[in-house]
Amino acid sequence: MSVSDEQKQQYNEYVKQVTPTHSLPREMFHAFLTGGAICTLGQLITNLLMQAGIEQEAAGTWCSILLILLSVLLTGFNVYPSIAKWGGAGALVPITGFANGVASSAIEYKKEGQVFGIGCKIFTIAGPVILYGVFTSWVVGLLYWLGKGLGI
């Protein structure tokens, strides 16, 4: 069965209609706003904790914990995926995006059980991030050590 030129043209028009269009400047702006809002929230939390008498280092730790908790809760209530869809990398790069990745994996595989679902699959997204983070820090440490040895 041969496809006519008219059918090909109709198909191409259909594909053009259903294919989403992306504007790089708009997506960058959304990422900037989203990442900036997350960072501003983090700074606000840190400042409030420091005003309450907590030292800066401890306030930073509590800020991280609270941002992770907020991200996991928003993921559980299916709000964070909408934020990530609108904000792109601005929502996925910070610590909140990492927490969202771990929580969403746990939610997705919950139906497979506690051990073989959540226990085995929770680090599906986080595992590679941890692996490459450790590997990269090892490589940078090795380069630093070699540079010190060569007097650089």
N, C-alpha and C. Protein backbone atom coordinates (compact mmCIF):
# COMPACT_ATOMS: atom_id res chain seq x y z
N MET A 1 0.85 -1.18 0.00
CA MET A 1 0.00 0.00 0.00
C MET A 1 0.89 1.24 0.00
N SER A 2 0.67 2.08 -0.91
CA SER A 2 1.46 3.28 -1.09
C SER A 2 0.80 4.47 -0.38
N VAL A 3 1.63 5.32 0.16
CA VAL A 3 1.13 6.51 0.83
C VAL A 3 1.21 7.68 -0.14
N SER A 4 0.10 8.34 -0.33
CA SER A 4 0.07 9.45 -1.29
C SER A 4 0.75 10.68 -0.70
N ASP A 5 1.08 11.59 -1.60
CA ASP A 5 1.69 12.85 -1.17
C ASP A 5 0.76 13.65 -0.28
N GLU A 6 -0.55 13.58 -0.55
CA GLU A 6 -1.52 14.30 0.27
C GLU A 6 -1.55 13.75 1.70
N GLN A 7 -1.46 12.42 1.84
CA GLN A 7 -1.45 11.80 3.17
C GLN A 7 -0.18 12.18 3.92
N LYS A 8 0.94 12.22 3.20
CA LYS A 8 2.21 12.62 3.81
C LYS A 8 2.12 14.06 4.31
N GLN A 9 1.54 14.92 3.49
CA GLN A 9 1.40 16.33 3.87
C GLN A 9 0.48 16.48 5.07
N GLN A 10 -0.63 15.74 5.09
CA GLN A 10 -1.54 15.78 6.23
C GLN A 10 -0.83 15.30 7.49
N TYR A 11 -0.05 14.23 7.36
CA TYR A 11 0.68 13.71 8.51
C TYR A 11 1.70 14.73 9.01
N ASN A 12 2.43 15.35 8.10
CA ASN A 12 3.42 16.35 8.50
C ASN A 12 2.76 17.54 9.19
N GLU A 13 1.59 17.96 8.72
CA GLU A 13 0.86 19.04 9.38
C GLU A 13 0.40 18.62 10.77
N TYR A 14 -0.04 17.38 10.90
CA TYR A 14 -0.46 16.87 12.22
C TYR A 14 0.72 16.86 13.18
N VAL A 15 1.85 16.36 12.72
CA VAL A 15 3.06 16.32 13.57
C VAL A 15 3.44 17.73 13.99
N LYS A 16 3.35 18.68 13.08
CA LYS A 16 3.68 20.07 13.39
C LYS A 16 2.75 20.64 14.46
N GLN A 17 1.46 20.25 14.42
CA GLN A 17 0.49 20.74 15.39
C GLN A 17 0.72 20.17 16.77
N VAL A 18 1.08 18.89 16.88
CA VAL A 18 1.18 18.25 18.19
C VAL A 18 2.58 18.34 18.79
N THR A 19 3.57 18.73 17.99
CA THR A 19 4.93 18.85 18.51
C THR A 19 5.04 20.13 19.32
N PRO A 20 5.46 20.01 20.59
CA PRO A 20 5.57 21.22 21.40
C PRO A 20 6.69 22.12 20.89
N THR A 21 6.46 23.41 20.95
CA THR A 21 7.49 24.37 20.57
C THR A 21 8.15 24.89 21.84
N HIS A 22 9.44 25.13 21.76
CA HIS A 22 10.19 25.58 22.91
C HIS A 22 10.89 26.89 22.57
N SER A 23 10.88 27.76 23.52
CA SER A 23 11.58 29.03 23.39
C SER A 23 12.72 29.03 24.42
N LEU A 24 13.94 28.96 23.94
CA LEU A 24 15.09 28.90 24.84
C LEU A 24 15.14 30.09 25.80
N PRO A 25 14.97 31.32 25.31
CA PRO A 25 15.00 32.44 26.26
C PRO A 25 13.91 32.34 27.34
N ARG A 26 12.70 31.91 26.95
CA ARG A 26 11.62 31.77 27.93
C ARG A 26 11.95 30.67 28.94
N GLU A 27 12.46 29.54 28.47
CA GLU A 27 12.81 28.46 29.38
C GLU A 27 13.95 28.86 30.32
N MET A 28 14.92 29.61 29.81
CA MET A 28 16.01 30.09 30.66
C MET A 28 15.48 31.05 31.73
N PHE A 29 14.54 31.89 31.34
CA PHE A 29 13.93 32.83 32.28
C PHE A 29 13.17 32.07 33.37
N HIS A 30 12.41 31.06 32.98
CA HIS A 30 11.67 30.24 33.96
C HIS A 30 12.64 29.55 34.91
N ALA A 31 13.73 29.00 34.36
CA ALA A 31 14.72 28.33 35.20
C ALA A 31 15.36 29.33 36.17
N PHE A 32 15.66 30.50 35.67
CA PHE A 32 16.26 31.55 36.52
C PHE A 32 15.32 31.92 37.66
N LEU A 33 14.05 32.13 37.33
CA LEU A 33 13.08 32.50 38.37
C LEU A 33 12.89 31.38 39.39
N THR A 34 12.77 30.16 38.91
CA THR A 34 12.53 29.03 39.81
C THR A 34 13.73 28.77 40.70
N GLY A 35 14.91 28.69 40.10
CA GLY A 35 16.12 28.48 40.90
C GLY A 35 16.36 29.63 41.86
N GLY A 36 16.11 30.85 41.39
CA GLY A 36 16.26 32.02 42.25
C GLY A 36 15.29 32.00 43.41
N ALA A 37 14.05 31.57 43.15
CA ALA A 37 13.04 31.50 44.22
C ALA A 37 13.44 30.46 45.26
N ILE A 38 13.95 29.31 44.81
CA ILE A 38 14.39 28.27 45.75
C ILE A 38 15.56 28.78 46.58
N CYS A 39 16.52 29.44 45.93
CA CYS A 39 17.67 29.97 46.67
C CYS A 39 17.27 31.09 47.62
N THR A 40 16.33 31.93 47.19
CA THR A 40 15.84 33.00 48.05
C THR A 40 15.14 32.41 49.27
N LEU A 41 14.33 31.37 49.05
CA LEU A 41 13.68 30.69 50.17
C LEU A 41 14.72 30.12 51.14
N GLY A 42 15.76 29.52 50.59
CA GLY A 42 16.82 28.98 51.43
C GLY A 42 17.51 30.06 52.24
N GLN A 43 17.78 31.19 51.61
CA GLN A 43 18.42 32.30 52.33
C GLN A 43 17.50 32.86 53.39
N LEU A 44 16.21 32.95 53.08
CA LEU A 44 15.23 33.42 54.06
C LEU A 44 15.18 32.49 55.27
N ILE A 45 15.15 31.19 55.03
CA ILE A 45 15.15 30.22 56.13
C ILE A 45 16.41 30.39 56.97
N THR A 46 17.56 30.48 56.30
CA THR A 46 18.83 30.64 57.03
C THR A 46 18.83 31.91 57.87
N ASN A 47 18.39 33.01 57.29
CA ASN A 47 18.35 34.29 58.02
C ASN A 47 17.42 34.21 59.23
N LEU A 48 16.24 33.61 59.06
CA LEU A 48 15.31 33.48 60.17
C LEU A 48 15.89 32.62 61.29
N LEU A 49 16.56 31.55 60.91
CA LEU A 49 17.17 30.69 61.93
C LEU A 49 18.30 31.41 62.67
N MET A 50 19.08 32.19 61.92
CA MET A 50 20.17 32.93 62.56
C MET A 50 19.62 34.01 63.48
N GLN A 51 18.52 34.64 63.10
CA GLN A 51 17.88 35.63 63.96
C GLN A 51 17.33 34.99 65.22
N ALA A 52 17.00 33.70 65.12
CA ALA A 52 16.49 32.98 66.29
C ALA A 52 17.62 32.53 67.21
N GLY A 53 18.88 32.85 66.84
CA GLY A 53 20.00 32.55 67.71
C GLY A 53 20.80 31.32 67.32
N ILE A 54 20.51 30.72 66.19
CA ILE A 54 21.26 29.54 65.74
C ILE A 54 22.48 30.02 64.96
N GLU A 55 23.63 29.37 65.19
CA GLU A 55 24.86 29.74 64.50
C GLU A 55 24.73 29.48 63.00
N GLN A 56 25.55 30.18 62.22
CA GLN A 56 25.43 30.12 60.77
C GLN A 56 25.57 28.70 60.22
N GLU A 57 26.53 27.95 60.68
CA GLU A 57 26.73 26.59 60.18
C GLU A 57 25.52 25.69 60.48
N ALA A 58 25.02 25.78 61.69
CA ALA A 58 23.85 24.99 62.06
C ALA A 58 22.61 25.47 61.30
N ALA A 59 22.50 26.77 61.09
CA ALA A 59 21.37 27.31 60.33
C ALA A 59 21.40 26.80 58.89
N GLY A 60 22.59 26.71 58.32
CA GLY A 60 22.73 26.17 56.97
C GLY A 60 22.31 24.71 56.89
N THR A 61 22.68 23.95 57.91
CA THR A 61 22.29 22.54 57.96
C THR A 61 20.78 22.42 58.08
N TRP A 62 20.18 23.19 58.98
CA TRP A 62 18.73 23.16 59.15
C TRP A 62 18.01 23.62 57.89
N CYS A 63 18.57 24.59 57.21
CA CYS A 63 17.99 25.07 55.96
C CYS A 63 17.95 23.95 54.93
N SER A 64 19.05 23.22 54.79
CA SER A 64 19.09 22.09 53.86
C SER A 64 18.05 21.04 54.22
N ILE A 65 17.96 20.73 55.50
CA ILE A 65 16.98 19.73 55.96
C ILE A 65 15.56 20.19 55.64
N LEU A 66 15.27 21.46 55.91
CA LEU A 66 13.92 21.98 55.66
C LEU A 66 13.59 22.04 54.17
N LEU A 67 14.57 22.41 53.34
CA LEU A 67 14.33 22.43 51.90
C LEU A 67 14.08 21.02 51.36
N ILE A 68 14.82 20.04 51.87
CA ILE A 68 14.61 18.65 51.47
C ILE A 68 13.22 18.19 51.90
N LEU A 69 12.85 18.49 53.13
CA LEU A 69 11.53 18.11 53.64
C LEU A 69 10.43 18.75 52.79
N LEU A 70 10.56 20.03 52.50
CA LEU A 70 9.57 20.73 51.69
C LEU A 70 9.46 20.11 50.29
N SER A 71 10.60 19.77 49.71
CA SER A 71 10.61 19.16 48.39
C SER A 71 9.93 17.80 48.40
N VAL A 72 10.22 16.99 49.41
CA VAL A 72 9.61 15.66 49.50
C VAL A 72 8.09 15.79 49.71
N LEU A 73 7.67 16.72 50.56
CA LEU A 73 6.24 16.93 50.77
C LEU A 73 5.55 17.40 49.49
N LEU A 74 6.16 18.34 48.79
CA LEU A 74 5.57 18.81 47.54
C LEU A 74 5.54 17.71 46.49
N THR A 75 6.53 16.83 46.50
CA THR A 75 6.53 15.68 45.59
C THR A 75 5.40 14.73 45.96
N GLY A 76 5.24 14.46 47.25
CA GLY A 76 4.19 13.57 47.70
C GLY A 76 2.80 14.08 47.37
N PHE A 77 2.62 15.38 47.39
CA PHE A 77 1.32 15.98 47.05
C PHE A 77 1.22 16.31 45.55
N ASN A 78 2.19 15.84 44.77
CA ASN A 78 2.22 15.99 43.32
C ASN A 78 2.25 17.45 42.87
N VAL A 79 2.92 18.30 43.65
CA VAL A 79 3.06 19.71 43.30
C VAL A 79 4.42 19.97 42.66
N TYR A 80 5.47 19.32 43.18
CA TYR A 80 6.83 19.58 42.69
C TYR A 80 6.99 19.25 41.20
N PRO A 81 6.36 18.18 40.67
CA PRO A 81 6.49 17.94 39.23
C PRO A 81 5.99 19.11 38.37
N SER A 82 4.95 19.79 38.82
CA SER A 82 4.47 20.96 38.08
C SER A 82 5.48 22.10 38.15
N ILE A 83 6.08 22.27 39.32
CA ILE A 83 7.12 23.30 39.47
C ILE A 83 8.29 22.97 38.56
N ALA A 84 8.70 21.69 38.54
CA ALA A 84 9.83 21.27 37.71
C ALA A 84 9.51 21.39 36.23
N LYS A 85 8.29 21.12 35.85
CA LYS A 85 7.91 21.25 34.45
C LYS A 85 7.99 22.70 34.00
N TRP A 86 7.53 23.62 34.84
CA TRP A 86 7.57 25.03 34.49
C TRP A 86 8.98 25.59 34.61
N GLY A 87 9.70 25.22 35.69
CA GLY A 87 11.00 25.82 35.99
C GLY A 87 12.19 25.11 35.39
N GLY A 88 12.00 23.93 34.84
CA GLY A 88 13.10 23.21 34.20
C GLY A 88 14.26 22.97 35.15
N ALA A 89 15.45 23.26 34.65
CA ALA A 89 16.67 23.01 35.43
C ALA A 89 16.72 23.85 36.70
N GLY A 90 15.99 24.95 36.73
CA GLY A 90 15.96 25.77 37.94
C GLY A 90 15.38 25.04 39.12
N ALA A 91 14.52 24.06 38.87
CA ALA A 91 13.92 23.27 39.94
C ALA A 91 14.64 21.93 40.13
N LEU A 92 15.37 21.48 39.12
CA LEU A 92 15.96 20.15 39.18
C LEU A 92 17.41 20.14 39.66
N VAL A 93 18.10 21.25 39.54
CA VAL A 93 19.51 21.28 39.91
C VAL A 93 19.76 21.41 41.42
N PRO A 94 19.03 22.26 42.13
CA PRO A 94 19.34 22.41 43.56
C PRO A 94 19.04 21.16 44.37
N ILE A 95 19.34 21.21 45.63
CA ILE A 95 19.12 20.08 46.55
C ILE A 95 17.67 19.62 46.54
N THR A 96 16.75 20.54 46.24
CA THR A 96 15.34 20.17 46.19
C THR A 96 15.05 19.23 45.03
N GLY A 97 15.73 19.41 43.92
CA GLY A 97 15.55 18.52 42.77
C GLY A 97 16.05 17.12 43.07
N PHE A 98 17.16 17.04 43.80
CA PHE A 98 17.70 15.73 44.20
C PHE A 98 16.71 15.02 45.13
N ALA A 99 16.16 15.75 46.08
CA ALA A 99 15.18 15.16 47.00
C ALA A 99 13.93 14.74 46.24
N ASN A 100 13.52 15.54 45.27
CA ASN A 100 12.38 15.18 44.44
C ASN A 100 12.64 13.89 43.68
N GLY A 101 13.84 13.73 43.15
CA GLY A 101 14.19 12.51 42.42
C GLY A 101 14.11 11.27 43.28
N VAL A 102 14.62 11.35 44.49
CA VAL A 102 14.58 10.21 45.41
C VAL A 102 13.14 9.92 45.83
N ALA A 103 12.39 10.96 46.20
CA ALA A 103 11.01 10.77 46.66
C ALA A 103 10.12 10.24 45.54
N SER A 104 10.28 10.76 44.33
CA SER A 104 9.44 10.30 43.23
C SER A 104 9.71 8.85 42.89
N SER A 105 10.97 8.40 43.00
CA SER A 105 11.28 6.99 42.78
C SER A 105 10.61 6.12 43.84
N ALA A 106 10.66 6.57 45.08
CA ALA A 106 10.03 5.81 46.17
C ALA A 106 8.52 5.73 45.96
N ILE A 107 7.90 6.82 45.54
CA ILE A 107 6.46 6.83 45.31
C ILE A 107 6.10 5.93 44.13
N GLU A 108 6.90 6.02 43.07
CA GLU A 108 6.61 5.24 41.87
C GLU A 108 6.68 3.73 42.12
N TYR A 109 7.65 3.28 42.89
CA TYR A 109 7.85 1.84 43.09
C TYR A 109 7.22 1.32 44.38
N LYS A 110 6.45 2.16 45.07
CA LYS A 110 5.79 1.76 46.31
C LYS A 110 4.91 0.53 46.11
N LYS A 111 4.26 0.44 44.98
CA LYS A 111 3.34 -0.66 44.71
C LYS A 111 4.04 -2.02 44.62
N GLU A 112 5.35 -2.01 44.42
CA GLU A 112 6.11 -3.26 44.33
C GLU A 112 6.56 -3.76 45.69
N GLY A 113 6.24 -3.05 46.73
CA GLY A 113 6.56 -3.49 48.08
C GLY A 113 7.66 -2.67 48.72
N GLN A 114 7.80 -2.88 50.03
CA GLN A 114 8.80 -2.12 50.80
C GLN A 114 10.23 -2.47 50.41
N VAL A 115 10.52 -3.76 50.25
CA VAL A 115 11.90 -4.18 49.99
C VAL A 115 12.24 -4.11 48.52
N PHE A 116 11.48 -4.83 47.68
CA PHE A 116 11.82 -4.89 46.26
C PHE A 116 11.34 -3.66 45.49
N GLY A 117 10.45 -2.91 46.04
CA GLY A 117 10.00 -1.68 45.40
C GLY A 117 10.80 -0.49 45.87
N ILE A 118 10.43 -0.01 47.05
CA ILE A 118 11.07 1.20 47.59
C ILE A 118 12.55 0.96 47.89
N GLY A 119 12.85 -0.13 48.59
CA GLY A 119 14.23 -0.39 49.00
C GLY A 119 15.20 -0.53 47.85
N CYS A 120 14.78 -1.20 46.78
CA CYS A 120 15.68 -1.43 45.64
C CYS A 120 15.70 -0.28 44.65
N LYS A 121 14.60 0.43 44.51
CA LYS A 121 14.48 1.42 43.44
C LYS A 121 14.62 2.86 43.89
N ILE A 122 14.71 3.10 45.20
CA ILE A 122 14.72 4.48 45.68
C ILE A 122 15.93 5.27 45.16
N PHE A 123 17.03 4.59 44.92
CA PHE A 123 18.22 5.30 44.46
C PHE A 123 18.42 5.18 42.96
N THR A 124 17.34 4.88 42.22
CA THR A 124 17.43 4.80 40.77
C THR A 124 17.97 6.10 40.18
N ILE A 125 17.48 7.21 40.67
CA ILE A 125 17.95 8.51 40.18
C ILE A 125 19.13 9.00 41.01
N ALA A 126 19.08 8.79 42.31
CA ALA A 126 20.11 9.33 43.19
C ALA A 126 21.42 8.57 43.06
N GLY A 127 21.36 7.29 42.76
CA GLY A 127 22.57 6.48 42.67
C GLY A 127 23.60 7.03 41.71
N PRO A 128 23.23 7.29 40.44
CA PRO A 128 24.21 7.86 39.52
C PRO A 128 24.75 9.22 39.96
N VAL A 129 23.90 10.03 40.58
CA VAL A 129 24.36 11.34 41.06
C VAL A 129 25.43 11.15 42.13
N ILE A 130 25.18 10.25 43.06
CA ILE A 130 26.16 9.97 44.12
C ILE A 130 27.44 9.41 43.52
N LEU A 131 27.29 8.44 42.59
CA LEU A 131 28.46 7.82 41.96
C LEU A 131 29.32 8.86 41.26
N TYR A 132 28.71 9.68 40.40
CA TYR A 132 29.49 10.66 39.66
C TYR A 132 30.02 11.76 40.56
N GLY A 133 29.31 12.09 41.62
CA GLY A 133 29.83 13.07 42.58
C GLY A 133 31.08 12.56 43.27
N VAL A 134 31.03 11.31 43.72
CA VAL A 134 32.21 10.71 44.38
C VAL A 134 33.36 10.58 43.38
N PHE A 135 33.07 10.10 42.18
CA PHE A 135 34.11 9.92 41.17
C PHE A 135 34.75 11.24 40.79
N THR A 136 33.93 12.27 40.58
CA THR A 136 34.45 13.58 40.22
C THR A 136 35.31 14.17 41.33
N SER A 137 34.87 14.01 42.58
CA SER A 137 35.68 14.52 43.69
C SER A 137 37.01 13.77 43.78
N TRP A 138 37.00 12.48 43.45
CA TRP A 138 38.24 11.71 43.46
C TRP A 138 39.18 12.22 42.37
N VAL A 139 38.66 12.46 41.17
CA VAL A 139 39.49 12.95 40.06
C VAL A 139 40.05 14.33 40.39
N VAL A 140 39.22 15.22 40.91
CA VAL A 140 39.69 16.56 41.27
C VAL A 140 40.75 16.48 42.37
N GLY A 141 40.53 15.61 43.35
CA GLY A 141 41.52 15.42 44.41
C GLY A 141 42.84 14.90 43.87
N LEU A 142 42.77 13.97 42.93
CA LEU A 142 43.98 13.43 42.31
C LEU A 142 44.71 14.53 41.53
N LEU A 143 43.97 15.32 40.77
CA LEU A 143 44.60 16.43 40.03
C LEU A 143 45.23 17.44 40.97
N TYR A 144 44.54 17.73 42.07
CA TYR A 144 45.09 18.65 43.07
C TYR A 144 46.39 18.10 43.66
N TRP A 145 46.38 16.80 43.99
CA TRP A 145 47.57 16.15 44.58
C TRP A 145 48.72 16.18 43.58
N LEU A 146 48.44 15.87 42.30
CA LEU A 146 49.48 15.89 41.28
C LEU A 146 50.01 17.32 41.08
N GLY A 147 49.10 18.29 41.09
CA GLY A 147 49.51 19.69 40.96
C GLY A 147 50.40 20.14 42.11
N LYS A 148 50.05 19.73 43.33
CA LYS A 148 50.89 20.08 44.49
C LYS A 148 52.26 19.43 44.38
N GLY A 149 52.26 18.17 43.89
CA GLY A 149 53.53 17.46 43.73
C GLY A 149 54.42 18.09 42.68
N LEU A 150 53.84 18.65 41.66
CA LEU A 150 54.59 19.30 40.59
C LEU A 150 54.87 20.77 40.88
N GLY A 151 54.37 21.26 42.00
CA GLY A 151 54.64 22.64 42.40
C GLY A 151 53.74 23.65 41.71
N ILE A 152 52.61 23.21 41.22
CA ILE A 152 51.68 24.13 40.54
C ILE A 152 50.78 24.80 41.54
